[in-house]
Structures are given as C-alpha cells and as structure tokens.
Amino acid sequence: MTKFGNSETDITVQESTACREIVLEIMKFGVKEQQLLKIIYLLSLELSGRDALVEISTSANNFINNLTDGENLSQSKIIA
C-alpha cells in the first residue's frame, strides 16, 4: 500500500520535535528557574482553552510569587 502524506502519529512526532527544539533554544540562553516560570506564565496566557489558561497561569504565578531572594525551588516546602 502506498502511503501519501503524514500519518497522525508522524504529525504528532514532528510537533513534539518542534516543541523540544524551541525548549532547547530557550535553554541556550542560560535562563534561571524564575525566568523559566515567567516564560511558562506568559505562554500560558496565549492558550485559547480557558481552563488550561487559568490553571497553568495561576500555578506558575504562585511559584513566581513564592520565590524569595536566594531560595531554590528544588527545596521542598511543607504546607501545614
């Protein structure tokens, strides 16, 4: 059977590869954790789905707001 065009799987792989290339390009800048969170926040504002926009932007914004000078996000916080 002759295959014409790309299958749905091929398209998904190509899109994932493009996403990963974008991430690698951003990481070349040597961005800090806080900058990554800000990028995630700003990208979330571009989402067309309201639920995803609200959930992701709120979560990223909460992490940004909880950062203090010298605090590392890898340290766990216990919420009582």
Protein backbone atom coordinates (compact mmCIF):
# COMPACT_ATOMS: atom_id res chain seq x y z
CA MET A 1 0.00 0.00 0.00
CA THR A 2 1.36 3.41 -0.94
CA LYS A 3 1.41 5.99 1.80
CA PHE A 4 0.51 9.56 0.91
CA GLY A 5 1.19 12.37 3.35
CA ASN A 6 1.90 12.04 7.03
CA SER A 7 0.00 9.87 9.46
CA GLU A 8 -1.42 11.31 12.66
CA THR A 9 1.48 9.72 14.56
CA ASP A 10 4.02 11.30 12.19
CA ILE A 11 2.45 14.72 12.70
CA THR A 12 2.46 14.30 16.49
CA VAL A 13 6.13 13.32 16.45
CA GLN A 14 7.01 16.31 14.24
CA GLU A 15 5.12 18.70 16.52
CA SER A 16 6.77 17.25 19.63
CA THR A 17 10.18 17.56 18.00
CA ALA A 18 9.49 21.21 17.14
CA CYS A 19 8.43 21.87 20.75
CA ARG A 20 11.59 20.29 22.09
CA GLU A 21 13.71 22.37 19.70
CA ILE A 22 12.03 25.53 21.00
CA VAL A 23 12.77 24.49 24.58
CA LEU A 24 16.41 23.76 23.71
CA GLU A 25 16.72 27.17 22.08
CA ILE A 26 15.37 28.86 25.22
CA MET A 27 17.72 26.84 27.42
CA LYS A 28 20.71 28.04 25.35
CA PHE A 29 20.17 31.46 26.95
CA GLY A 30 21.08 30.03 30.36
CA VAL A 31 17.78 31.05 31.90
CA LYS A 32 17.22 30.79 35.62
CA GLU A 33 14.36 28.94 37.32
CA GLN A 34 12.42 32.17 37.90
CA GLN A 35 12.80 33.12 34.24
CA LEU A 36 11.51 29.71 33.15
CA LEU A 37 8.47 30.15 35.36
CA LYS A 38 7.85 33.61 33.89
CA ILE A 39 8.11 32.17 30.36
CA ILE A 40 5.66 29.41 31.31
CA TYR A 41 3.31 32.04 32.76
CA LEU A 42 3.49 34.24 29.67
CA LEU A 43 2.99 31.28 27.32
CA SER A 44 0.00 30.14 29.37
CA LEU A 45 -1.66 33.49 28.68
CA GLU A 46 -1.58 32.61 24.98
CA LEU A 47 -3.70 29.47 25.45
CA SER A 48 -7.15 29.52 23.90
CA GLY A 49 -8.62 26.99 26.34
CA ARG A 50 -9.77 28.94 29.39
CA ASP A 51 -9.42 26.08 31.90
CA ALA A 52 -5.82 25.36 30.91
CA LEU A 53 -5.02 29.08 30.80
CA VAL A 54 -6.33 29.69 34.31
CA GLU A 55 -4.83 26.57 35.88
CA ILE A 56 -1.36 26.87 34.37
CA SER A 57 -1.05 30.66 34.73
CA THR A 58 -2.25 30.54 38.35
CA SER A 59 0.13 27.73 39.22
CA ALA A 60 3.14 29.37 37.55
CA ASN A 61 2.27 32.74 39.08
CA ASN A 62 2.02 31.17 42.55
CA PHE A 63 5.52 29.74 42.19
CA ILE A 64 6.86 33.09 40.96
CA ASN A 65 5.25 34.96 43.85
CA ASN A 66 6.59 32.49 46.42
CA LEU A 67 10.18 32.88 45.28
CA THR A 68 12.40 34.85 47.60
CA ASP A 69 15.97 36.00 47.08
CA GLY A 70 18.30 33.03 47.25
CA GLU A 71 15.51 30.47 47.56
CA ASN A 72 15.89 27.40 45.42
CA LEU A 73 12.76 25.77 44.00
CA SER A 74 14.29 22.37 44.49
CA GLN A 75 13.83 22.77 48.24
CA SER A 76 10.53 21.28 49.26
CA LYS A 77 8.02 23.29 51.23
CA ILE A 78 5.75 21.66 53.75
CA ILE A 79 2.32 23.21 53.81
CA ALA A 80 0.64 22.85 57.21
